[in-house]
Amino acid sequence: MNKAQANELHEKLYRPTQPGVMVVQNSSKRKMDARSTWEIRFTEQDLEGLSFPHNDALVLSLQFQRKLVRRILVDQGSSAEILFYSAFKALGLSKDQLTPVEAPLIGFTGIPVYPLGKVTLPVYTGSVKLDMEFIVVSSPSPYNAILGRNWLHGMRAVASTLHQCVRFIGESGRQETIKGDQVASKKCFVNSVRGRGRAKEVQSIEVPELIDEATTEEKMREALQGPEEVWKTGERQGRGRFGSDCGQRGWDPFFSHWLGP
């Protein structure tokens, strides 16, 4: 690489951006396809419609095995994906589909928790499908699942709790956005604060409330803005009872997170 090429590369990687604009550029060497060269941006327009000030966790609804699962926490501090046992059962899965996990998980108290096992499930996010390995845990949690860095990196996605969305480049090369449910996140926060010191299992979950047969992408797509596809999930269903299911700290032994201040 000569000096001119080096200067050009430096300018591309470190060029200044406009105030209020977050830019993330991909440098990974993957197969040349529509998603191999991309740029992710968050702007002030992404904040429209949100309630401020906020310090909300990012809670999504996504398709697992073509079924819609709500109350999914996106945790960038997690090195593992977690599926809680109530959701595992509601998805119609059985324990004989699990493979062993030998290492125990350690929570806030330091007491080891042994997973039930692990299972690989297809996760559909917009136009992108990823097969993700989930560790199945039978523990109290306000969530049905937790997605961590493996999922984010596999998606080449960027999550913003401030903007309450996950943004990525779809299979067609167009920017896609999955919006979080801020109302559900706030309800879970309030109930987790009220429930401190009162450890109890997540309330029983009815299958129709947890998962629905997936609709087509045309029905799920709420808006299409230029080169960007915006997907809103989990807004029509589950809001009425979301708070009643959130009385606990959401935790996973591979990481530590707590919805309280």
C-alpha atoms as a PDB file:
ATOM      1  CA  MET A   1       0.000   0.000   0.000  1.00  0.00           C
ATOM      2  CA  ASN A   2       1.479   3.337  -1.061  1.00  0.00           C
ATOM      3  CA  LYS A   3       1.148   6.591   0.849  1.00  0.00           C
ATOM      4  CA  ALA A   4      -1.787   7.843  -1.230  1.00  0.00           C
ATOM      5  CA  GLN A   5      -3.737   4.625  -0.638  1.00  0.00           C
ATOM      6  CA  ALA A   6      -2.953   4.742   3.076  1.00  0.00           C
ATOM      7  CA  ASN A   7      -4.202   8.329   3.324  1.00  0.00           C
ATOM      8  CA  GLU A   8      -7.392   7.410   1.463  1.00  0.00           C
ATOM      9  CA  LEU A   9      -8.035   4.470   3.801  1.00  0.00           C
ATOM     10  CA  HIS A  10      -7.405   6.629   6.868  1.00  0.00           C
ATOM     11  CA  GLU A  11      -9.849   9.242   5.587  1.00  0.00           C
ATOM     12  CA  LYS A  12     -12.568   6.633   5.061  1.00  0.00           C
ATOM     13  CA  LEU A  13     -12.138   5.089   8.495  1.00  0.00           C
ATOM     14  CA  TYR A  14     -11.722   8.247  10.523  1.00  0.00           C
ATOM     15  CA  ARG A  15     -13.601  10.886   8.582  1.00  0.00           C
ATOM     16  CA  PRO A  16     -15.539  13.352  10.793  1.00  0.00           C
ATOM     17  CA  THR A  17     -19.280  13.033  11.094  1.00  0.00           C
ATOM     18  CA  GLN A  18     -22.070  15.490  11.641  1.00  0.00           C
ATOM     19  CA  PRO A  19     -23.089  16.242  15.233  1.00  0.00           C
ATOM     20  CA  GLY A  20     -25.645  13.746  16.543  1.00  0.00           C
ATOM     21  CA  VAL A  21     -24.753  11.120  13.927  1.00  0.00           C
ATOM     22  CA  MET A  22     -23.241   7.789  14.944  1.00  0.00           C
ATOM     23  CA  VAL A  23     -21.396   5.955  12.169  1.00  0.00           C
ATOM     24  CA  VAL A  24     -20.164   2.373  12.282  1.00  0.00           C
ATOM     25  CA  GLN A  25     -18.273   0.896   9.352  1.00  0.00           C
ATOM     26  CA  ASN A  26     -17.649  -2.759   8.619  1.00  0.00           C
ATOM     27  CA  SER A  27     -14.102  -4.003   8.062  1.00  0.00           C
ATOM     28  CA  SER A  28     -14.657  -7.755   8.416  1.00  0.00           C
ATOM     29  CA  LYS A  29     -13.519  -9.995   5.566  1.00  0.00           C
ATOM     30  CA  ARG A  30     -16.561 -11.992   4.595  1.00  0.00           C
ATOM     31  CA  LYS A  31     -17.893 -13.212   1.307  1.00  0.00           C
ATOM     32  CA  MET A  32     -18.627 -10.470  -1.166  1.00  0.00           C
ATOM     33  CA  ASP A  33     -22.371  -9.997  -1.138  1.00  0.00           C
ATOM     34  CA  ALA A  34     -24.868  -7.198  -0.684  1.00  0.00           C
ATOM     35  CA  ARG A  35     -23.985  -6.933   3.007  1.00  0.00           C
ATOM     36  CA  SER A  36     -20.178  -6.925   2.711  1.00  0.00           C
ATOM     37  CA  THR A  37     -19.831  -3.140   2.511  1.00  0.00           C
ATOM     38  CA  TRP A  38     -22.118  -1.139   4.711  1.00  0.00           C
ATOM     39  CA  GLU A  39     -22.572   1.810   6.983  1.00  0.00           C
ATOM     40  CA  ILE A  40     -24.860   2.137  10.005  1.00  0.00           C
ATOM     41  CA  ARG A  41     -26.102   5.539  11.164  1.00  0.00           C
ATOM     42  CA  PHE A  42     -28.213   6.784  14.057  1.00  0.00           C
ATOM     43  CA  THR A  43     -29.526  10.339  13.881  1.00  0.00           C
ATOM     44  CA  GLU A  44     -31.738  12.650  15.882  1.00  0.00           C
ATOM     45  CA  GLN A  45     -34.698  11.478  13.788  1.00  0.00           C
ATOM     46  CA  ASP A  46     -34.444   8.074  15.474  1.00  0.00           C
ATOM     47  CA  LEU A  47     -35.307   9.729  18.781  1.00  0.00           C
ATOM     48  CA  GLU A  48     -38.684  10.941  17.547  1.00  0.00           C
ATOM     49  CA  GLY A  49     -41.611   9.322  19.332  1.00  0.00           C
ATOM     50  CA  LEU A  50     -39.553   8.188  22.316  1.00  0.00           C
ATOM     51  CA  SER A  51     -40.226   9.225  25.887  1.00  0.00           C
ATOM     52  CA  PHE A  52     -37.434  11.304  27.440  1.00  0.00           C
ATOM     53  CA  PRO A  53     -35.527  11.343  29.639  1.00  0.00           C
ATOM     54  CA  HIS A  54     -35.069   7.594  29.671  1.00  0.00           C
ATOM     55  CA  ASN A  55     -32.593   4.960  30.772  1.00  0.00           C
ATOM     56  CA  ASP A  56     -34.522   2.024  29.348  1.00  0.00           C
ATOM     57  CA  ALA A  57     -33.201  -1.386  28.454  1.00  0.00           C
ATOM     58  CA  LEU A  58     -33.744  -2.530  24.878  1.00  0.00           C
ATOM     59  CA  VAL A  59     -36.545  -5.107  24.732  1.00  0.00           C
ATOM     60  CA  LEU A  60     -37.572  -6.637  21.403  1.00  0.00           C
ATOM     61  CA  SER A  61     -39.892  -9.205  19.891  1.00  0.00           C
ATOM     62  CA  LEU A  62     -38.385 -11.539  17.288  1.00  0.00           C
ATOM     63  CA  GLN A  63     -39.202 -14.779  15.535  1.00  0.00           C
ATOM     64  CA  PHE A  64     -37.741 -18.013  16.881  1.00  0.00           C
ATOM     65  CA  GLN A  65     -38.584 -20.958  14.632  1.00  0.00           C
ATOM     66  CA  ARG A  66     -41.028 -18.698  12.777  1.00  0.00           C
ATOM     67  CA  LYS A  67     -42.925 -18.011  15.982  1.00  0.00           C
ATOM     68  CA  LEU A  68     -43.023 -14.589  17.573  1.00  0.00           C
ATOM     69  CA  VAL A  69     -41.378 -14.408  20.996  1.00  0.00           C
ATOM     70  CA  ARG A  70     -41.783 -11.276  23.094  1.00  0.00           C
ATOM     71  CA  ARG A  71     -39.811  -9.869  26.031  1.00  0.00           C
ATOM     72  CA  ILE A  72     -36.341 -10.441  24.572  1.00  0.00           C
ATOM     73  CA  LEU A  73     -33.598  -8.418  26.225  1.00  0.00           C
ATOM     74  CA  VAL A  74     -30.698  -7.253  24.060  1.00  0.00           C
ATOM     75  CA  ASP A  75     -27.662  -7.233  26.348  1.00  0.00           C
ATOM     76  CA  GLN A  76     -24.371  -6.148  24.809  1.00  0.00           C
ATOM     77  CA  GLY A  77     -22.592  -7.276  27.966  1.00  0.00           C
ATOM     78  CA  SER A  78     -23.608 -10.900  27.478  1.00  0.00           C
ATOM     79  CA  SER A  79     -21.270 -13.395  25.848  1.00  0.00           C
ATOM     80  CA  ALA A  80     -24.054 -15.977  25.596  1.00  0.00           C
ATOM     81  CA  GLU A  81     -27.637 -16.233  24.402  1.00  0.00           C
ATOM     82  CA  ILE A  82     -30.138 -17.374  27.035  1.00  0.00           C
ATOM     83  CA  LEU A  83     -33.557 -18.973  26.621  1.00  0.00           C
ATOM     84  CA  PHE A  84     -35.593 -19.294  29.791  1.00  0.00           C
ATOM     85  CA  TYR A  85     -37.369 -22.568  30.340  1.00  0.00           C
ATOM     86  CA  SER A  86     -40.921 -21.201  30.248  1.00  0.00           C
ATOM     87  CA  ALA A  87     -40.279 -19.873  26.744  1.00  0.00           C
ATOM     88  CA  PHE A  88     -38.523 -23.106  25.787  1.00  0.00           C
ATOM     89  CA  LYS A  89     -41.653 -25.076  26.654  1.00  0.00           C
ATOM     90  CA  ALA A  90     -44.000 -22.571  25.016  1.00  0.00           C
ATOM     91  CA  LEU A  91     -42.076 -22.964  21.769  1.00  0.00           C
ATOM     92  CA  GLY A  92     -43.068 -26.621  21.818  1.00  0.00           C
ATOM     93  CA  LEU A  93     -39.562 -27.879  22.570  1.00  0.00           C
ATOM     94  CA  SER A  94     -38.751 -30.844  24.802  1.00  0.00           C
ATOM     95  CA  LYS A  95     -35.795 -31.693  27.014  1.00  0.00           C
ATOM     96  CA  ASP A  96     -34.675 -34.496  24.709  1.00  0.00           C
ATOM     97  CA  GLN A  97     -33.705 -31.789  22.204  1.00  0.00           C
ATOM     98  CA  LEU A  98     -31.152 -30.358  24.640  1.00  0.00           C
ATOM     99  CA  THR A  99     -27.450 -31.126  24.588  1.00  0.00           C
ATOM    100  CA  PRO A 100     -25.476 -31.026  27.847  1.00  0.00           C
ATOM    101  CA  VAL A 101     -23.726 -27.969  29.240  1.00  0.00           C
ATOM    102  CA  GLU A 102     -21.099 -28.952  31.781  1.00  0.00           C
ATOM    103  CA  ALA A 103     -20.036 -25.593  33.202  1.00  0.00           C
ATOM    104  CA  PRO A 104     -22.299 -24.048  35.859  1.00  0.00           C
ATOM    105  CA  LEU A 105     -23.494 -20.473  35.632  1.00  0.00           C
ATOM    106  CA  ILE A 106     -22.786 -18.022  38.413  1.00  0.00           C
ATOM    107  CA  GLY A 107     -25.309 -15.339  39.382  1.00  0.00           C
ATOM    108  CA  PHE A 108     -25.206 -12.349  41.722  1.00  0.00           C
ATOM    109  CA  THR A 109     -25.143 -14.460  44.870  1.00  0.00           C
ATOM    110  CA  GLY A 110     -22.245 -16.581  43.672  1.00  0.00           C
ATOM    111  CA  ILE A 111     -24.371 -19.718  43.900  1.00  0.00           C
ATOM    112  CA  PRO A 112     -23.808 -21.924  40.834  1.00  0.00           C
ATOM    113  CA  VAL A 113     -26.796 -22.647  38.612  1.00  0.00           C
ATOM    114  CA  TYR A 114     -26.589 -25.607  36.277  1.00  0.00           C
ATOM    115  CA  PRO A 115     -28.246 -25.060  32.883  1.00  0.00           C
ATOM    116  CA  LEU A 116     -30.734 -27.580  31.621  1.00  0.00           C
ATOM    117  CA  GLY A 117     -28.742 -27.749  28.406  1.00  0.00           C
ATOM    118  CA  LYS A 118     -28.374 -25.918  25.135  1.00  0.00           C
ATOM    119  CA  VAL A 119     -30.328 -25.847  21.906  1.00  0.00           C
ATOM    120  CA  THR A 120     -29.837 -24.265  18.486  1.00  0.00           C
ATOM    121  CA  LEU A 121     -32.768 -22.310  17.066  1.00  0.00           C
ATOM    122  CA  PRO A 122     -33.240 -20.177  13.955  1.00  0.00           C
ATOM    123  CA  VAL A 123     -33.725 -16.510  14.810  1.00  0.00           C
ATOM    124  CA  TYR A 124     -35.379 -14.343  12.163  1.00  0.00           C
ATOM    125  CA  THR A 125     -34.643 -10.622  12.284  1.00  0.00           C
ATOM    126  CA  GLY A 126     -36.123  -8.722   9.381  1.00  0.00           C
ATOM    127  CA  SER A 127     -34.725 -10.365   6.252  1.00  0.00           C
ATOM    128  CA  VAL A 128     -31.834 -12.054   8.088  1.00  0.00           C
ATOM    129  CA  LYS A 129     -31.919 -15.564   9.559  1.00  0.00           C
ATOM    130  CA  LEU A 130     -29.281 -16.771  12.020  1.00  0.00           C
ATOM    131  CA  ASP A 131     -29.032 -20.140  13.752  1.00  0.00           C
ATOM    132  CA  MET A 132     -28.204 -19.283  17.365  1.00  0.00           C
ATOM    133  CA  GLU A 133     -27.143 -21.537  20.220  1.00  0.00           C
ATOM    134  CA  PHE A 134     -29.149 -20.814  23.373  1.00  0.00           C
ATOM    135  CA  ILE A 135     -28.339 -21.929  26.886  1.00  0.00           C
ATOM    136  CA  VAL A 136     -31.603 -23.001  28.514  1.00  0.00           C
ATOM    137  CA  VAL A 137     -31.976 -21.903  32.124  1.00  0.00           C
ATOM    138  CA  SER A 138     -34.750 -22.538  34.634  1.00  0.00           C
ATOM    139  CA  SER A 139     -34.409 -19.350  36.687  1.00  0.00           C
ATOM    140  CA  PRO A 140     -36.614 -16.378  37.616  1.00  0.00           C
ATOM    141  CA  SER A 141     -36.505 -13.676  34.959  1.00  0.00           C
ATOM    142  CA  PRO A 142     -38.815 -11.035  33.496  1.00  0.00           C
ATOM    143  CA  TYR A 143     -37.587 -12.068  30.049  1.00  0.00           C
ATOM    144  CA  ASN A 144     -38.250 -14.972  27.757  1.00  0.00           C
ATOM    145  CA  ALA A 145     -34.795 -14.772  26.190  1.00  0.00           C
ATOM    146  CA  ILE A 146     -31.603 -12.730  26.185  1.00  0.00           C
ATOM    147  CA  LEU A 147     -29.579 -11.975  23.072  1.00  0.00           C
ATOM    148  CA  GLY A 148     -25.957 -10.975  23.507  1.00  0.00           C
ATOM    149  CA  ARG A 149     -22.855 -10.228  21.488  1.00  0.00           C
ATOM    150  CA  ASN A 150     -22.890 -13.457  19.479  1.00  0.00           C
ATOM    151  CA  TRP A 151     -26.206 -12.486  17.944  1.00  0.00           C
ATOM    152  CA  LEU A 152     -25.256  -8.851  17.435  1.00  0.00           C
ATOM    153  CA  HIS A 153     -21.954  -9.722  15.788  1.00  0.00           C
ATOM    154  CA  GLY A 154     -23.524 -12.441  13.667  1.00  0.00           C
ATOM    155  CA  MET A 155     -26.102  -9.929  12.478  1.00  0.00           C
ATOM    156  CA  ARG A 156     -23.421  -7.268  11.994  1.00  0.00           C
ATOM    157  CA  ALA A 157     -25.918  -5.180  13.922  1.00  0.00           C
ATOM    158  CA  VAL A 158     -25.608  -2.155  16.171  1.00  0.00           C
ATOM    159  CA  ALA A 159     -27.940  -1.824  19.165  1.00  0.00           C
ATOM    160  CA  SER A 160     -28.710   1.568  20.674  1.00  0.00           C
ATOM    161  CA  THR A 161     -30.542   1.757  23.975  1.00  0.00           C
ATOM    162  CA  LEU A 162     -30.714   5.537  23.548  1.00  0.00           C
ATOM    163  CA  HIS A 163     -32.470   5.212  20.191  1.00  0.00           C
ATOM    164  CA  GLN A 164     -34.374   2.081  21.331  1.00  0.00           C
ATOM    165  CA  CYS A 165     -33.626   0.057  18.237  1.00  0.00           C
ATOM    166  CA  VAL A 166     -31.291  -2.395  16.543  1.00  0.00           C
ATOM    167  CA  ARG A 167     -30.021  -1.471  13.093  1.00  0.00           C
ATOM    168  CA  PHE A 168     -28.390  -3.721  10.518  1.00  0.00           C
ATOM    169  CA  ILE A 169     -28.028  -4.302   6.793  1.00  0.00           C
ATOM    170  CA  GLY A 170     -30.469  -6.811   5.366  1.00  0.00           C
ATOM    171  CA  GLU A 171     -29.839  -9.458   2.737  1.00  0.00           C
ATOM    172  CA  SER A 172     -30.780  -7.018  -0.023  1.00  0.00           C
ATOM    173  CA  GLY A 173     -28.194  -4.493   1.119  1.00  0.00           C
ATOM    174  CA  ARG A 174     -30.818  -2.140   2.513  1.00  0.00           C
ATOM    175  CA  GLN A 175     -30.624  -0.796   6.034  1.00  0.00           C
ATOM    176  CA  GLU A 176     -33.221  -2.351   8.337  1.00  0.00           C
ATOM    177  CA  THR A 177     -34.325  -1.342  11.819  1.00  0.00           C
ATOM    178  CA  ILE A 178     -35.986  -3.361  14.567  1.00  0.00           C
ATOM    179  CA  LYS A 179     -37.613  -1.035  17.075  1.00  0.00           C
ATOM    180  CA  GLY A 180     -37.819  -1.841  20.752  1.00  0.00           C
ATOM    181  CA  ASP A 181     -40.888  -1.626  22.942  1.00  0.00           C
ATOM    182  CA  GLN A 182     -40.152   1.250  25.312  1.00  0.00           C
ATOM    183  CA  VAL A 183     -43.463   0.897  27.140  1.00  0.00           C
ATOM    184  CA  ALA A 184     -42.750  -2.741  27.953  1.00  0.00           C
ATOM    185  CA  SER A 185     -39.232  -1.873  29.041  1.00  0.00           C
ATOM    186  CA  LYS A 186     -40.487   0.830  31.407  1.00  0.00           C
ATOM    187  CA  LYS A 187     -43.125  -1.454  32.901  1.00  0.00           C
ATOM    188  CA  CYS A 188     -40.530  -4.111  33.508  1.00  0.00           C
ATOM    189  CA  PHE A 189     -38.236  -1.582  35.169  1.00  0.00           C
ATOM    190  CA  VAL A 190     -40.979  -0.331  37.497  1.00  0.00           C
ATOM    191  CA  ASN A 191     -42.029  -3.812  38.527  1.00  0.00           C
ATOM    192  CA  SER A 192     -38.454  -4.971  39.012  1.00  0.00           C
ATOM    193  CA  VAL A 193     -37.863  -2.090  41.433  1.00  0.00           C
ATOM    194  CA  ARG A 194     -41.063  -2.877  43.330  1.00  0.00           C
ATOM    195  CA  GLY A 195     -40.161  -6.539  43.462  1.00  0.00           C
ATOM    196  CA  ARG A 196     -36.692  -6.194  44.988  1.00  0.00           C
ATOM    197  CA  GLY A 197     -36.089  -8.730  47.681  1.00  0.00           C
ATOM    198  CA  ARG A 198     -39.123 -10.795  46.682  1.00  0.00           C
ATOM    199  CA  ALA A 199     -37.722 -13.595  44.591  1.00  0.00           C
ATOM    200  CA  LYS A 200     -40.429 -15.466  42.768  1.00  0.00           C
ATOM    201  CA  GLU A 201     -40.779 -17.294  39.528  1.00  0.00           C
ATOM    202  CA  VAL A 202     -42.065 -15.599  36.421  1.00  0.00           C
ATOM    203  CA  GLN A 203     -45.819 -16.024  36.306  1.00  0.00           C
ATOM    204  CA  SER A 204     -47.139 -18.763  34.086  1.00  0.00           C
ATOM    205  CA  ILE A 205     -47.212 -17.807  30.439  1.00  0.00           C
ATOM    206  CA  GLU A 206     -49.960 -18.859  28.105  1.00  0.00           C
ATOM    207  CA  VAL A 207     -48.731 -19.958  24.725  1.00  0.00           C
ATOM    208  CA  PRO A 208     -50.995 -17.586  22.747  1.00  0.00           C
ATOM    209  CA  GLU A 209     -49.589 -14.656  24.731  1.00  0.00           C
ATOM    210  CA  LEU A 210     -45.981 -15.667  24.300  1.00  0.00           C
ATOM    211  CA  ILE A 211     -45.846 -16.769  20.692  1.00  0.00           C
ATOM    212  CA  ASP A 212     -47.910 -16.351  17.580  1.00  0.00           C
ATOM    213  CA  GLU A 213     -47.536 -17.992  14.221  1.00  0.00           C
ATOM    214  CA  ALA A 214     -45.349 -15.698  12.190  1.00  0.00           C
ATOM    215  CA  THR A 215     -46.966 -13.598   9.538  1.00  0.00           C
ATOM    216  CA  THR A 216     -45.397 -12.798   6.227  1.00  0.00           C
ATOM    217  CA  GLU A 217     -42.821 -10.064   5.978  1.00  0.00           C
ATOM    218  CA  GLU A 218     -45.355  -7.877   4.175  1.00  0.00           C
ATOM    219  CA  LYS A 219     -47.687  -7.985   7.167  1.00  0.00           C
ATOM    220  CA  MET A 220     -44.911  -7.407   9.665  1.00  0.00           C
ATOM    221  CA  ARG A 221     -43.398  -4.463   7.819  1.00  0.00           C
ATOM    222  CA  GLU A 222     -44.889  -1.284   9.290  1.00  0.00           C
ATOM    223  CA  ALA A 223     -42.957   1.304   7.366  1.00  0.00           C
ATOM    224  CA  LEU A 224     -40.580   1.648   4.471  1.00  0.00           C
ATOM    225  CA  GLN A 225     -38.536   4.822   4.324  1.00  0.00           C
ATOM    226  CA  GLY A 226     -36.238   5.152   1.339  1.00  0.00           C
ATOM    227  CA  PRO A 227     -33.329   2.717   1.657  1.00  0.00           C
ATOM    228  CA  GLU A 228     -34.339   1.778   5.205  1.00  0.00           C
ATOM    229  CA  GLU A 229     -36.860  -0.792   6.352  1.00  0.00           C
ATOM    230  CA  VAL A 230     -38.363  -0.217   9.777  1.00  0.00           C
ATOM    231  CA  TRP A 231     -39.881  -3.123  11.669  1.00  0.00           C
ATOM    232  CA  LYS A 232     -42.006  -2.672  14.772  1.00  0.00           C
ATOM    233  CA  THR A 233     -42.473  -5.778  16.863  1.00  0.00           C
ATOM    234  CA  GLY A 234     -44.345  -6.678  20.000  1.00  0.00           C
ATOM    235  CA  GLU A 235     -46.467  -3.554  20.148  1.00  0.00           C
ATOM    236  CA  ARG A 236     -49.943  -4.948  19.552  1.00  0.00           C
ATOM    237  CA  GLN A 237     -49.862  -7.867  21.954  1.00  0.00           C
ATOM    238  CA  GLY A 238     -48.700  -8.525  25.458  1.00  0.00           C
ATOM    239  CA  ARG A 239     -48.633  -4.959  26.724  1.00  0.00           C
ATOM    240  CA  GLY A 240     -51.575  -5.384  29.002  1.00  0.00           C
ATOM    241  CA  ARG A 241     -49.917  -8.084  31.109  1.00  0.00           C
ATOM    242  CA  PHE A 242     -46.246  -7.336  30.548  1.00  0.00           C
ATOM    243  CA  GLY A 243     -45.817  -5.547  33.842  1.00  0.00           C
ATOM    244  CA  SER A 244     -47.414  -8.340  35.833  1.00  0.00           C
ATOM    245  CA  ASP A 245     -44.777 -10.733  34.527  1.00  0.00           C
ATOM    246  CA  CYS A 246     -41.886  -8.513  35.583  1.00  0.00           C
ATOM    247  CA  GLY A 247     -41.099  -8.835  39.225  1.00  0.00           C
ATOM    248  CA  GLN A 248     -37.518  -9.986  39.123  1.00  0.00           C
ATOM    249  CA  ARG A 249     -33.984  -9.111  38.352  1.00  0.00           C
ATOM    250  CA  GLY A 250     -33.087 -10.305  34.876  1.00  0.00           C
ATOM    251  CA  TRP A 251     -29.756 -12.071  35.233  1.00  0.00           C
ATOM    252  CA  ASP A 252     -27.532 -14.474  33.472  1.00  0.00           C
ATOM    253  CA  PRO A 253     -24.347 -15.955  34.929  1.00  0.00           C
ATOM    254  CA  PHE A 254     -22.250 -15.046  31.902  1.00  0.00           C
ATOM    255  CA  PHE A 255     -22.886 -11.388  32.597  1.00  0.00           C
ATOM    256  CA  SER A 256     -24.414  -9.110  35.173  1.00  0.00           C
ATOM    257  CA  HIS A 257     -27.300  -6.791  34.504  1.00  0.00           C
ATOM    258  CA  TRP A 258     -29.929  -5.355  36.765  1.00  0.00           C
ATOM    259  CA  LEU A 259     -32.763  -3.116  35.697  1.00  0.00           C
ATOM    260  CA  GLY A 260     -32.667  -1.032  38.851  1.00  0.00           C
ATOM    261  CA  PRO A 261     -30.677   2.205  39.117  1.00  0.00           C
END
